[in-house]
Amino acid sequence: MLENDLKFLEEAFKQYYFDHFDLIHVPGRSLEREYGYKKFNSGMTRHISLKTNKDLHLMLMTNIPSDVFCSNAYYTFPNMPMAEKDWKEADLIFDIDAKDLKLPCRKDHTCIKCLSCNEISLLQDTCPKCKSNKIDLISLP
């Protein structure tokens, strides 16, 4: 990702986190969960324990993550390595990807990114800008 694009995204996410923190769901029993995040252009940071909702807000504003994760499991020591966390229990979660449902509206939720010129457009067989057929499908929720 280009530096200017990265800076733009980080600023936009930071502003969103600041303006709309009240819209971000903080799960129950937060103190017993492991949190993690992924920044733009970098790997995962894990094994984070948050004591309060304010800690989550601080983490979002300080690190400006592109993705934030929370465990469905409850631990005695959520900030420790996996072998030392002391698992208590977990919530049962079903993760169903819309793409696996084979809904007729799927094409309305898919666009293409041209690998030759980086143009993004509605779903079609070739890039409308450069006519390349080297494209990636991008599925939108």
Protein backbone atom coordinates (compact mmCIF):
# COMPACT_ATOMS: atom_id res chain seq x y z
CA MET A 1 0.00 0.00 0.00
CA LEU A 2 1.30 3.46 -0.84
CA GLU A 3 2.35 5.67 2.07
CA ASN A 4 -0.24 8.36 1.25
CA ASP A 5 -3.01 5.75 1.06
CA LEU A 6 -1.91 4.26 4.36
CA LYS A 7 -1.87 7.66 6.06
CA PHE A 8 -5.33 8.48 4.66
CA LEU A 9 -6.81 5.19 5.91
CA GLU A 10 -5.25 5.51 9.35
CA GLU A 11 -6.59 9.05 9.75
CA ALA A 12 -10.06 7.99 8.58
CA PHE A 13 -10.13 5.03 10.99
CA LYS A 14 -8.84 7.16 13.86
CA GLN A 15 -11.57 9.73 13.23
CA TYR A 16 -14.17 6.96 13.08
CA TYR A 17 -12.97 5.43 16.35
CA PHE A 18 -13.06 8.88 17.98
CA ASP A 19 -16.47 9.94 16.64
CA HIS A 20 -18.28 6.61 16.91
CA PHE A 21 -16.83 4.71 19.83
CA ASP A 22 -20.33 4.43 21.28
CA LEU A 23 -21.27 2.27 18.25
CA ILE A 24 -18.48 -0.24 18.92
CA HIS A 25 -19.82 -3.21 20.84
CA VAL A 26 -17.69 -4.10 23.84
CA PRO A 27 -18.40 -7.72 24.77
CA GLY A 28 -19.32 -8.81 28.26
CA ARG A 29 -16.72 -10.20 30.65
CA SER A 30 -14.14 -8.14 28.82
CA LEU A 31 -11.50 -8.66 31.51
CA GLU A 32 -11.47 -12.43 30.82
CA ARG A 33 -11.08 -12.22 27.04
CA GLU A 34 -8.05 -12.06 24.79
CA TYR A 35 -7.98 -9.15 22.35
CA GLY A 36 -5.89 -8.70 19.27
CA TYR A 37 -5.62 -6.38 16.33
CA LYS A 38 -4.12 -6.05 12.90
CA LYS A 39 -2.75 -2.79 11.58
CA PHE A 40 -2.72 -1.79 7.94
CA ASN A 41 0.28 -3.43 6.24
CA SER A 42 1.35 -5.49 9.26
CA GLY A 43 0.68 -8.71 11.11
CA MET A 44 -1.37 -9.59 14.17
CA THR A 45 -0.75 -8.32 17.68
CA ARG A 46 -2.31 -10.71 20.21
CA HIS A 47 -2.55 -11.66 23.88
CA ILE A 48 -3.92 -8.29 24.99
CA SER A 49 -6.04 -7.98 28.12
CA LEU A 50 -8.35 -4.99 28.58
CA LYS A 51 -9.71 -4.06 31.98
CA THR A 52 -12.29 -1.47 30.91
CA ASN A 53 -14.07 -0.06 27.88
CA LYS A 54 -11.72 2.92 28.15
CA ASP A 55 -8.78 0.55 27.60
CA LEU A 56 -10.38 -0.57 24.33
CA HIS A 57 -10.90 3.05 23.29
CA LEU A 58 -7.26 3.84 24.11
CA MET A 59 -6.07 0.80 22.14
CA LEU A 60 -8.10 1.87 19.10
CA MET A 61 -6.94 5.49 19.22
CA THR A 62 -3.29 4.64 19.88
CA ASN A 63 -2.79 1.77 17.43
CA ILE A 64 -5.43 2.62 14.78
CA PRO A 65 -6.06 -1.00 13.78
CA SER A 66 -7.72 -2.07 10.54
CA ASP A 67 -9.16 -5.14 12.31
CA VAL A 68 -9.89 -5.90 15.96
CA PHE A 69 -10.49 -9.35 17.40
CA CYS A 70 -11.88 -10.62 20.67
CA SER A 71 -11.79 -14.23 21.82
CA ASN A 72 -14.98 -16.19 22.30
CA ALA A 73 -13.15 -17.96 25.13
CA TYR A 74 -12.77 -16.80 28.71
CA TYR A 75 -9.39 -17.09 30.41
CA THR A 76 -7.91 -16.51 33.83
CA PHE A 77 -4.85 -14.88 32.21
CA PRO A 78 -5.88 -13.63 28.73
CA ASN A 79 -2.64 -11.69 28.21
CA MET A 80 -0.41 -14.76 28.58
CA PRO A 81 0.78 -17.12 25.79
CA MET A 82 -1.84 -19.73 24.82
CA ALA A 83 -0.40 -22.52 26.97
CA GLU A 84 -0.56 -20.30 30.08
CA LYS A 85 -3.95 -18.60 29.65
CA ASP A 86 -5.93 -21.10 31.82
CA TRP A 87 -9.05 -21.62 29.70
CA LYS A 88 -12.33 -21.40 31.65
CA GLU A 89 -15.11 -21.72 29.05
CA ALA A 90 -16.18 -20.33 25.69
CA ASP A 91 -19.21 -18.96 23.89
CA LEU A 92 -20.55 -21.03 21.01
CA ILE A 93 -20.28 -18.98 17.81
CA PHE A 94 -21.41 -19.88 14.31
CA ASP A 95 -19.47 -18.15 11.53
CA ILE A 96 -21.40 -18.39 8.28
CA ASP A 97 -19.85 -16.73 5.25
CA ALA A 98 -22.46 -15.23 2.92
CA LYS A 99 -20.48 -16.43 -0.11
CA ASP A 100 -21.11 -20.02 0.97
CA LEU A 101 -24.89 -19.55 0.89
CA LYS A 102 -24.92 -19.28 -2.93
CA LEU A 103 -27.57 -16.57 -2.92
CA PRO A 104 -28.80 -15.23 -6.28
CA CYS A 105 -27.84 -11.68 -5.27
CA ARG A 106 -24.15 -12.65 -4.88
CA LYS A 107 -23.15 -10.92 -8.12
CA ASP A 108 -24.55 -7.68 -6.69
CA HIS A 109 -22.05 -7.95 -3.83
CA THR A 110 -18.95 -8.69 -5.88
CA CYS A 111 -16.64 -6.35 -7.75
CA ILE A 112 -13.33 -6.77 -9.54
CA LYS A 113 -9.87 -5.35 -9.04
CA CYS A 114 -7.66 -5.29 -12.11
CA LEU A 115 -4.20 -6.70 -11.40
CA SER A 116 -2.74 -4.70 -14.30
CA CYS A 117 -3.96 -1.16 -13.57
CA ASN A 118 -5.60 -1.49 -10.09
CA GLU A 119 -8.98 -0.28 -11.38
CA ILE A 120 -11.91 -1.38 -9.22
CA SER A 121 -15.27 -1.81 -10.92
CA LEU A 122 -18.49 -3.77 -10.94
CA LEU A 123 -18.35 -7.48 -11.69
CA GLN A 124 -17.37 -8.25 -15.29
CA ASP A 125 -14.95 -10.51 -17.15
CA THR A 126 -12.37 -7.85 -18.09
CA CYS A 127 -11.19 -4.52 -16.76
CA PRO A 128 -13.23 -1.67 -18.27
CA LYS A 129 -10.20 0.63 -18.16
CA CYS A 130 -7.34 -1.43 -19.68
CA LYS A 131 -9.29 -4.49 -20.95
CA SER A 132 -7.03 -6.89 -19.02
CA ASN A 133 -8.50 -10.21 -17.92
CA LYS A 134 -6.09 -10.44 -14.97
CA ILE A 135 -8.58 -9.63 -12.23
CA ASP A 136 -9.28 -10.48 -8.61
CA LEU A 137 -12.82 -10.91 -7.36
CA ILE A 138 -13.62 -8.89 -4.26
CA SER A 139 -16.62 -10.05 -2.24
CA LEU A 140 -18.48 -7.44 -0.26
CA PRO A 141 -20.72 -8.29 2.68
